[in-house]
């Protein structure tokens, strides 16, 4: 019997218009009656996620910033922050990488130095609360993650520059075509799901997860019922036990209806 469902957002639960299906909210009510927990597991900011789920905000467990921040019913359950000296060292390095802009992802807000249209448009997709400041090295907040908006492509550009030197010290993850996320070592969605499994006494065999990209791979390992989306890269599909339909056709909801409701 499934007791916990976790889903990625972009390319997974959200449709091509960046929205949740109206049907989702009816399904959440049915899951709630069955005492099945629903987890939004995303690289997005907590405030962004909470806004997306505003109609049912207290019924969702939020695994935000790729697993570094877990919140339920307005209460922090888990967080893992980056060392301030490490953050400032990385800021200096990333500023030198062509095509890259930095977002410092804090508990209170996200922080950026640049404000040109193409960049801010990307920032506003994922960060509801953000501040434009003079110098990122002067931010006074607990930093959960450094997000790099890499307009040259994160896998081929920033990841190849940063992973060789930092991959053994930190979690460096390609989270989307133009996004690279850097968290503390051992931080990922899978670790956050395992934390929730222990907290709520839920087994991997009672867990169902959905994802579409490389930052979902650890989450697949945390659950027996792992689903990659039809639209996922082939390397990601190979790591999941099952395939769900495309995000454009509400693939997550179709599996939940067929298998659980």
C-alpha atoms as a PDB file:
ATOM      1  CA  UNK A   1       0.000   0.000   0.000  1.00  0.00           C
ATOM      2  CA  UNK A   2       1.343   3.434  -0.970  1.00  0.00           C
ATOM      3  CA  UNK A   3       1.727   5.857   1.952  1.00  0.00           C
ATOM      4  CA  UNK A   4       3.857   8.601   0.385  1.00  0.00           C
ATOM      5  CA  UNK A   5       3.941  10.110  -3.121  1.00  0.00           C
ATOM      6  CA  UNK A   6       6.693  12.528  -4.127  1.00  0.00           C
ATOM      7  CA  UNK A   7       6.761  14.406  -7.397  1.00  0.00           C
ATOM      8  CA  UNK A   8       9.139  16.745  -9.123  1.00  0.00           C
ATOM      9  CA  UNK A   9       7.503  19.868 -10.553  1.00  0.00           C
ATOM     10  CA  UNK A  10       8.945  21.129 -13.858  1.00  0.00           C
ATOM     11  CA  UNK A  11       8.554  18.630 -16.674  1.00  0.00           C
ATOM     12  CA  UNK A  12       6.693  16.336 -14.280  1.00  0.00           C
ATOM     13  CA  UNK A  13       3.697  17.601 -12.291  1.00  0.00           C
ATOM     14  CA  UNK A  14       3.332  21.036 -13.890  1.00  0.00           C
ATOM     15  CA  UNK A  15       2.024  21.212 -17.446  1.00  0.00           C
ATOM     16  CA  UNK A  16       3.640  23.069 -20.345  1.00  0.00           C
ATOM     17  CA  UNK A  17       1.933  26.270 -19.131  1.00  0.00           C
ATOM     18  CA  UNK A  18       3.694  26.049 -15.741  1.00  0.00           C
ATOM     19  CA  UNK A  19       0.410  25.194 -14.013  1.00  0.00           C
ATOM     20  CA  UNK A  20      -1.112  22.415 -11.949  1.00  0.00           C
ATOM     21  CA  UNK A  21      -4.106  20.679 -13.480  1.00  0.00           C
ATOM     22  CA  UNK A  22      -7.444  21.529 -11.820  1.00  0.00           C
ATOM     23  CA  UNK A  23      -7.864  17.792 -11.338  1.00  0.00           C
ATOM     24  CA  UNK A  24      -4.803  17.734  -9.088  1.00  0.00           C
ATOM     25  CA  UNK A  25      -6.665  19.459  -6.256  1.00  0.00           C
ATOM     26  CA  UNK A  26      -9.452  16.851  -6.333  1.00  0.00           C
ATOM     27  CA  UNK A  27      -6.855  14.092  -6.252  1.00  0.00           C
ATOM     28  CA  UNK A  28      -5.129  15.651  -3.219  1.00  0.00           C
ATOM     29  CA  UNK A  29      -8.428  15.530  -1.333  1.00  0.00           C
ATOM     30  CA  UNK A  30      -8.803  11.836  -2.148  1.00  0.00           C
ATOM     31  CA  UNK A  31      -5.215  11.086  -1.111  1.00  0.00           C
ATOM     32  CA  UNK A  32      -5.766  12.960   2.149  1.00  0.00           C
ATOM     33  CA  UNK A  33      -8.778  10.761   2.951  1.00  0.00           C
ATOM     34  CA  UNK A  34      -6.557   7.715   2.431  1.00  0.00           C
ATOM     35  CA  UNK A  35      -3.856   9.219   4.715  1.00  0.00           C
ATOM     36  CA  UNK A  36      -1.370   9.291   1.829  1.00  0.00           C
ATOM     37  CA  UNK A  37       1.232  12.043   2.132  1.00  0.00           C
ATOM     38  CA  UNK A  38       2.035  14.145  -0.950  1.00  0.00           C
ATOM     39  CA  UNK A  39       5.485  15.690  -1.363  1.00  0.00           C
ATOM     40  CA  UNK A  40       6.447  18.412  -3.847  1.00  0.00           C
ATOM     41  CA  UNK A  41      10.159  17.721  -4.467  1.00  0.00           C
ATOM     42  CA  UNK A  42      11.751  20.441  -6.538  1.00  0.00           C
ATOM     43  CA  UNK A  43      14.716  22.676  -7.166  1.00  0.00           C
ATOM     44  CA  UNK A  44      12.276  25.562  -6.749  1.00  0.00           C
ATOM     45  CA  UNK A  45      12.178  27.908  -3.789  1.00  0.00           C
ATOM     46  CA  UNK A  46       9.872  27.011  -0.877  1.00  0.00           C
ATOM     47  CA  UNK A  47       7.855  30.240  -1.284  1.00  0.00           C
ATOM     48  CA  UNK A  48       7.365  29.539  -4.980  1.00  0.00           C
ATOM     49  CA  UNK A  49       6.133  26.014  -4.243  1.00  0.00           C
ATOM     50  CA  UNK A  50       3.801  27.133  -1.483  1.00  0.00           C
ATOM     51  CA  UNK A  51       2.287  29.668  -3.864  1.00  0.00           C
ATOM     52  CA  UNK A  52       1.743  26.991  -6.536  1.00  0.00           C
ATOM     53  CA  UNK A  53      -0.151  24.848  -4.028  1.00  0.00           C
ATOM     54  CA  UNK A  54      -1.952  27.762  -2.352  1.00  0.00           C
ATOM     55  CA  UNK A  55      -5.364  26.031  -2.451  1.00  0.00           C
ATOM     56  CA  UNK A  56      -4.016  23.077  -0.477  1.00  0.00           C
ATOM     57  CA  UNK A  57      -0.827  24.593   0.968  1.00  0.00           C
ATOM     58  CA  UNK A  58      -1.085  22.865   4.365  1.00  0.00           C
ATOM     59  CA  UNK A  59      -1.664  19.431   2.809  1.00  0.00           C
ATOM     60  CA  UNK A  60       1.678  19.385   0.967  1.00  0.00           C
ATOM     61  CA  UNK A  61       5.138  18.537   2.272  1.00  0.00           C
ATOM     62  CA  UNK A  62       7.657  20.784   0.535  1.00  0.00           C
ATOM     63  CA  UNK A  63      11.091  19.435  -0.382  1.00  0.00           C
ATOM     64  CA  UNK A  64      12.537  22.641  -1.784  1.00  0.00           C
ATOM     65  CA  UNK A  65      15.896  23.708  -3.222  1.00  0.00           C
ATOM     66  CA  UNK A  66      16.654  20.171  -4.442  1.00  0.00           C
ATOM     67  CA  UNK A  67      16.362  18.589  -1.002  1.00  0.00           C
ATOM     68  CA  UNK A  68      18.145  21.149   1.166  1.00  0.00           C
ATOM     69  CA  UNK A  69      14.954  22.507   2.800  1.00  0.00           C
ATOM     70  CA  UNK A  70      11.929  20.497   3.988  1.00  0.00           C
ATOM     71  CA  UNK A  71       8.835  22.268   5.339  1.00  0.00           C
ATOM     72  CA  UNK A  72       5.405  20.936   6.398  1.00  0.00           C
ATOM     73  CA  UNK A  73       2.520  23.002   7.774  1.00  0.00           C
ATOM     74  CA  UNK A  74       4.780  26.082   7.992  1.00  0.00           C
ATOM     75  CA  UNK A  75       7.298  24.218  10.157  1.00  0.00           C
ATOM     76  CA  UNK A  76      10.872  23.479   9.096  1.00  0.00           C
ATOM     77  CA  UNK A  77      11.523  19.747   9.387  1.00  0.00           C
ATOM     78  CA  UNK A  78      15.015  19.639   7.893  1.00  0.00           C
ATOM     79  CA  UNK A  79      17.609  21.903   6.335  1.00  0.00           C
ATOM     80  CA  UNK A  80      21.235  21.745   5.272  1.00  0.00           C
ATOM     81  CA  UNK A  81      23.070  24.974   4.605  1.00  0.00           C
ATOM     82  CA  UNK A  82      26.353  25.884   2.933  1.00  0.00           C
ATOM     83  CA  UNK A  83      29.390  27.245   4.739  1.00  0.00           C
ATOM     84  CA  UNK A  84      29.668  31.021   4.267  1.00  0.00           C
ATOM     85  CA  UNK A  85      33.353  30.898   3.242  1.00  0.00           C
ATOM     86  CA  UNK A  86      32.608  28.225   0.666  1.00  0.00           C
ATOM     87  CA  UNK A  87      29.737  30.313  -0.700  1.00  0.00           C
ATOM     88  CA  UNK A  88      31.936  33.387  -1.098  1.00  0.00           C
ATOM     89  CA  UNK A  89      34.728  31.385  -2.746  1.00  0.00           C
ATOM     90  CA  UNK A  90      32.261  29.986  -5.278  1.00  0.00           C
ATOM     91  CA  UNK A  91      30.736  33.403  -5.969  1.00  0.00           C
ATOM     92  CA  UNK A  92      34.159  34.687  -7.046  1.00  0.00           C
ATOM     93  CA  UNK A  93      34.744  31.680  -9.315  1.00  0.00           C
ATOM     94  CA  UNK A  94      31.275  31.630 -10.909  1.00  0.00           C
ATOM     95  CA  UNK A  95      31.429  35.350 -11.717  1.00  0.00           C
ATOM     96  CA  UNK A  96      34.278  34.476 -14.094  1.00  0.00           C
ATOM     97  CA  UNK A  97      32.370  31.768 -16.017  1.00  0.00           C
ATOM     98  CA  UNK A  98      30.993  33.070 -19.304  1.00  0.00           C
ATOM     99  CA  UNK A  99      27.205  32.913 -19.693  1.00  0.00           C
ATOM    100  CA  UNK A 100      26.509  32.315 -15.994  1.00  0.00           C
ATOM    101  CA  UNK A 101      24.536  34.266 -13.427  1.00  0.00           C
ATOM    102  CA  UNK A 102      24.283  33.438  -9.710  1.00  0.00           C
ATOM    103  CA  UNK A 103      21.254  33.053  -7.462  1.00  0.00           C
ATOM    104  CA  UNK A 104      21.971  32.597  -3.765  1.00  0.00           C
ATOM    105  CA  UNK A 105      19.075  30.615  -2.346  1.00  0.00           C
ATOM    106  CA  UNK A 106      18.505  31.499   1.295  1.00  0.00           C
ATOM    107  CA  UNK A 107      15.863  30.557   3.833  1.00  0.00           C
ATOM    108  CA  UNK A 108      14.460  34.108   3.835  1.00  0.00           C
ATOM    109  CA  UNK A 109      14.757  34.892   0.101  1.00  0.00           C
ATOM    110  CA  UNK A 110      16.825  34.436  -3.046  1.00  0.00           C
ATOM    111  CA  UNK A 111      19.491  36.983  -3.943  1.00  0.00           C
ATOM    112  CA  UNK A 112      20.862  38.167  -7.310  1.00  0.00           C
ATOM    113  CA  UNK A 113      23.256  40.863  -8.481  1.00  0.00           C
ATOM    114  CA  UNK A 114      22.057  41.265 -12.074  1.00  0.00           C
ATOM    115  CA  UNK A 115      18.655  42.514 -13.224  1.00  0.00           C
ATOM    116  CA  UNK A 116      18.580  42.278 -17.034  1.00  0.00           C
ATOM    117  CA  UNK A 117      15.343  40.957 -18.541  1.00  0.00           C
ATOM    118  CA  UNK A 118      16.374  37.499 -19.794  1.00  0.00           C
ATOM    119  CA  UNK A 119      17.872  36.608 -16.428  1.00  0.00           C
ATOM    120  CA  UNK A 120      15.088  38.024 -14.246  1.00  0.00           C
ATOM    121  CA  UNK A 121      12.533  36.203 -16.387  1.00  0.00           C
ATOM    122  CA  UNK A 122      14.262  32.931 -15.477  1.00  0.00           C
ATOM    123  CA  UNK A 123      14.587  33.901 -11.809  1.00  0.00           C
ATOM    124  CA  UNK A 124      10.880  34.694 -11.506  1.00  0.00           C
ATOM    125  CA  UNK A 125       9.894  31.269 -12.830  1.00  0.00           C
ATOM    126  CA  UNK A 126      11.323  29.591  -9.720  1.00  0.00           C
ATOM    127  CA  UNK A 127      11.762  32.254  -7.034  1.00  0.00           C
ATOM    128  CA  UNK A 128       8.767  34.131  -5.647  1.00  0.00           C
ATOM    129  CA  UNK A 129      10.785  36.054  -3.043  1.00  0.00           C
ATOM    130  CA  UNK A 130      14.021  37.522  -4.374  1.00  0.00           C
ATOM    131  CA  UNK A 131      16.153  40.619  -3.846  1.00  0.00           C
ATOM    132  CA  UNK A 132      18.490  42.417  -6.237  1.00  0.00           C
ATOM    133  CA  UNK A 133      21.549  43.488  -4.266  1.00  0.00           C
ATOM    134  CA  UNK A 134      24.945  45.091  -4.862  1.00  0.00           C
ATOM    135  CA  UNK A 135      27.198  42.283  -3.633  1.00  0.00           C
ATOM    136  CA  UNK A 136      26.252  38.644  -3.053  1.00  0.00           C
ATOM    137  CA  UNK A 137      29.184  38.242  -0.674  1.00  0.00           C
ATOM    138  CA  UNK A 138      27.395  40.507   1.812  1.00  0.00           C
ATOM    139  CA  UNK A 139      24.164  38.488   2.042  1.00  0.00           C
ATOM    140  CA  UNK A 140      23.041  37.817   5.622  1.00  0.00           C
ATOM    141  CA  UNK A 141      20.973  34.632   5.366  1.00  0.00           C
ATOM    142  CA  UNK A 142      21.356  30.874   5.715  1.00  0.00           C
ATOM    143  CA  UNK A 143      22.278  29.759   2.192  1.00  0.00           C
ATOM    144  CA  UNK A 144      20.693  26.460   1.182  1.00  0.00           C
ATOM    145  CA  UNK A 145      21.896  26.358  -2.400  1.00  0.00           C
ATOM    146  CA  UNK A 146      23.789  28.233  -5.081  1.00  0.00           C
ATOM    147  CA  UNK A 147      21.836  28.116  -8.323  1.00  0.00           C
ATOM    148  CA  UNK A 148      23.652  28.964 -11.542  1.00  0.00           C
ATOM    149  CA  UNK A 149      21.626  30.154 -14.507  1.00  0.00           C
ATOM    150  CA  UNK A 150      23.892  29.058 -17.338  1.00  0.00           C
ATOM    151  CA  UNK A 151      22.771  30.450 -20.676  1.00  0.00           C
ATOM    152  CA  UNK A 152      25.439  28.387 -22.459  1.00  0.00           C
ATOM    153  CA  UNK A 153      23.993  25.126 -21.077  1.00  0.00           C
ATOM    154  CA  UNK A 154      24.790  23.821 -17.604  1.00  0.00           C
ATOM    155  CA  UNK A 155      25.880  20.283 -18.577  1.00  0.00           C
ATOM    156  CA  UNK A 156      28.445  21.455 -21.128  1.00  0.00           C
ATOM    157  CA  UNK A 157      29.586  24.706 -19.534  1.00  0.00           C
ATOM    158  CA  UNK A 158      29.468  25.368 -15.759  1.00  0.00           C
ATOM    159  CA  UNK A 159      29.231  21.702 -14.731  1.00  0.00           C
ATOM    160  CA  UNK A 160      32.414  20.828 -16.633  1.00  0.00           C
ATOM    161  CA  UNK A 161      34.245  23.737 -15.007  1.00  0.00           C
ATOM    162  CA  UNK A 162      33.032  23.295 -11.424  1.00  0.00           C
ATOM    163  CA  UNK A 163      32.514  19.562 -10.933  1.00  0.00           C
ATOM    164  CA  UNK A 164      36.191  18.501 -11.262  1.00  0.00           C
ATOM    165  CA  UNK A 165      37.283  20.817  -8.420  1.00  0.00           C
ATOM    166  CA  UNK A 166      34.155  20.865  -6.268  1.00  0.00           C
ATOM    167  CA  UNK A 167      32.311  17.608  -6.965  1.00  0.00           C
ATOM    168  CA  UNK A 168      34.065  15.723  -4.168  1.00  0.00           C
ATOM    169  CA  UNK A 169      33.388  18.489  -1.606  1.00  0.00           C
ATOM    170  CA  UNK A 170      29.843  19.532  -2.558  1.00  0.00           C
ATOM    171  CA  UNK A 171      26.748  18.221  -4.327  1.00  0.00           C
ATOM    172  CA  UNK A 172      26.998  19.633  -7.881  1.00  0.00           C
ATOM    173  CA  UNK A 173      23.885  18.753  -9.898  1.00  0.00           C
ATOM    174  CA  UNK A 174      22.622  19.546 -13.397  1.00  0.00           C
ATOM    175  CA  UNK A 175      18.980  20.285 -12.574  1.00  0.00           C
ATOM    176  CA  UNK A 176      17.813  21.570 -15.972  1.00  0.00           C
ATOM    177  CA  UNK A 177      19.220  22.588 -19.348  1.00  0.00           C
ATOM    178  CA  UNK A 178      20.357  26.000 -18.123  1.00  0.00           C
ATOM    179  CA  UNK A 179      20.533  25.319 -14.377  1.00  0.00           C
ATOM    180  CA  UNK A 180      23.313  23.963 -12.189  1.00  0.00           C
ATOM    181  CA  UNK A 181      22.664  23.590  -8.452  1.00  0.00           C
ATOM    182  CA  UNK A 182      25.325  23.435  -5.758  1.00  0.00           C
ATOM    183  CA  UNK A 183      24.399  22.188  -2.276  1.00  0.00           C
ATOM    184  CA  UNK A 184      26.240  20.805   0.717  1.00  0.00           C
ATOM    185  CA  UNK A 185      27.705  17.331   0.224  1.00  0.00           C
ATOM    186  CA  UNK A 186      25.091  14.584   0.502  1.00  0.00           C
ATOM    187  CA  UNK A 187      22.135  16.903  -0.118  1.00  0.00           C
ATOM    188  CA  UNK A 188      19.641  15.743  -2.745  1.00  0.00           C
ATOM    189  CA  UNK A 189      15.980  14.896  -3.125  1.00  0.00           C
ATOM    190  CA  UNK A 190      16.611  11.245  -2.268  1.00  0.00           C
ATOM    191  CA  UNK A 191      18.124  12.074   1.130  1.00  0.00           C
ATOM    192  CA  UNK A 192      15.125  14.311   1.878  1.00  0.00           C
ATOM    193  CA  UNK A 193      12.693  11.525   0.953  1.00  0.00           C
ATOM    194  CA  UNK A 194      14.581   9.066   3.180  1.00  0.00           C
ATOM    195  CA  UNK A 195      14.344  11.594   6.020  1.00  0.00           C
ATOM    196  CA  UNK A 196      10.552  11.733   5.541  1.00  0.00           C
ATOM    197  CA  UNK A 197      10.310   7.944   5.344  1.00  0.00           C
ATOM    198  CA  UNK A 198      12.050   7.653   8.705  1.00  0.00           C
ATOM    199  CA  UNK A 199      10.020  10.451  10.280  1.00  0.00           C
ATOM    200  CA  UNK A 200       6.662   9.012   9.212  1.00  0.00           C
ATOM    201  CA  UNK A 201       7.670   5.322   9.422  1.00  0.00           C
ATOM    202  CA  UNK A 202       7.217   4.642   5.704  1.00  0.00           C
ATOM    203  CA  UNK A 203       9.094   1.983   3.720  1.00  0.00           C
ATOM    204  CA  UNK A 204      10.538   2.376   0.194  1.00  0.00           C
ATOM    205  CA  UNK A 205       7.961  -0.223  -0.923  1.00  0.00           C
ATOM    206  CA  UNK A 206       5.240   2.169   0.300  1.00  0.00           C
ATOM    207  CA  UNK A 207       6.707   5.128  -1.606  1.00  0.00           C
ATOM    208  CA  UNK A 208       5.971   6.332  -5.146  1.00  0.00           C
ATOM    209  CA  UNK A 209       8.108   9.003  -6.840  1.00  0.00           C
ATOM    210  CA  UNK A 210       8.012  10.848 -10.156  1.00  0.00           C
ATOM    211  CA  UNK A 211      10.757  12.805 -11.923  1.00  0.00           C
ATOM    212  CA  UNK A 212      12.138  13.799 -15.294  1.00  0.00           C
ATOM    213  CA  UNK A 213      15.754  14.939 -14.867  1.00  0.00           C
ATOM    214  CA  UNK A 214      19.159  14.153 -13.411  1.00  0.00           C
ATOM    215  CA  UNK A 215      18.390  15.813 -10.062  1.00  0.00           C
ATOM    216  CA  UNK A 216      15.659  13.168  -9.591  1.00  0.00           C
ATOM    217  CA  UNK A 217      17.947  10.125  -9.812  1.00  0.00           C
ATOM    218  CA  UNK A 218      18.642   9.872  -6.070  1.00  0.00           C
ATOM    219  CA  UNK A 219      14.907  10.165  -5.425  1.00  0.00           C
ATOM    220  CA  UNK A 220      14.306   7.158  -7.707  1.00  0.00           C
ATOM    221  CA  UNK A 221      16.608   5.122  -5.460  1.00  0.00           C
ATOM    222  CA  UNK A 222      14.570   6.006  -2.366  1.00  0.00           C
ATOM    223  CA  UNK A 223      11.378   4.342  -3.627  1.00  0.00           C
ATOM    224  CA  UNK A 224      10.368   1.001  -5.106  1.00  0.00           C
ATOM    225  CA  UNK A 225       7.685   2.674  -7.233  1.00  0.00           C
ATOM    226  CA  UNK A 226       9.934   5.022  -9.213  1.00  0.00           C
ATOM    227  CA  UNK A 227       8.539   6.655 -12.363  1.00  0.00           C
ATOM    228  CA  UNK A 228      10.454   8.612 -14.979  1.00  0.00           C
ATOM    229  CA  UNK A 229       8.344  10.768 -17.246  1.00  0.00           C
ATOM    230  CA  UNK A 230       7.974   9.878 -20.910  1.00  0.00           C
ATOM    231  CA  UNK A 231       9.591  13.237 -21.726  1.00  0.00           C
ATOM    232  CA  UNK A 232      12.705  12.504 -19.616  1.00  0.00           C
ATOM    233  CA  UNK A 233      16.148  11.950 -21.201  1.00  0.00           C
ATOM    234  CA  UNK A 234      16.863   8.286 -21.948  1.00  0.00           C
ATOM    235  CA  UNK A 235      19.621   8.140 -19.298  1.00  0.00           C
ATOM    236  CA  UNK A 236      17.072   9.223 -16.678  1.00  0.00           C
ATOM    237  CA  UNK A 237      14.441   6.739 -17.875  1.00  0.00           C
ATOM    238  CA  UNK A 238      16.921   3.897 -17.473  1.00  0.00           C
ATOM    239  CA  UNK A 239      17.268   4.679 -13.766  1.00  0.00           C
ATOM    240  CA  UNK A 240      13.537   4.388 -12.985  1.00  0.00           C
ATOM    241  CA  UNK A 241      11.531   1.197 -12.549  1.00  0.00           C
ATOM    242  CA  UNK A 242       8.513   2.479 -14.518  1.00  0.00           C
ATOM    243  CA  UNK A 243       7.577   5.116 -17.106  1.00  0.00           C
ATOM    244  CA  UNK A 244       4.722   7.614 -16.671  1.00  0.00           C
ATOM    245  CA  UNK A 245       3.054   9.510 -19.504  1.00  0.00           C
ATOM    246  CA  UNK A 246       4.266  12.955 -20.549  1.00  0.00           C
ATOM    247  CA  UNK A 247       3.825  15.970 -18.279  1.00  0.00           C
ATOM    248  CA  UNK A 248       1.771  17.486 -21.112  1.00  0.00           C
ATOM    249  CA  UNK A 249      -0.797  14.705 -20.605  1.00  0.00           C
ATOM    250  CA  UNK A 250      -0.882  14.738 -16.786  1.00  0.00           C
ATOM    251  CA  UNK A 251       1.232  11.594 -16.607  1.00  0.00           C
ATOM    252  CA  UNK A 252       1.650  11.774 -12.813  1.00  0.00           C
ATOM    253  CA  UNK A 253      -2.082  12.069 -12.154  1.00  0.00           C
ATOM    254  CA  UNK A 254      -2.908   9.252 -14.564  1.00  0.00           C
ATOM    255  CA  UNK A 255      -0.608   6.852 -12.686  1.00  0.00           C
ATOM    256  CA  UNK A 256      -2.034   7.897  -9.305  1.00  0.00           C
ATOM    257  CA  UNK A 257      -5.602   7.386 -10.527  1.00  0.00           C
ATOM    258  CA  UNK A 258      -4.784   4.025 -12.083  1.00  0.00           C
ATOM    259  CA  UNK A 259      -2.659   2.609  -9.279  1.00  0.00           C
ATOM    260  CA  UNK A 260      -4.055   4.152  -6.093  1.00  0.00           C
ATOM    261  CA  UNK A 261      -7.484   5.778  -6.426  1.00  0.00           C
END
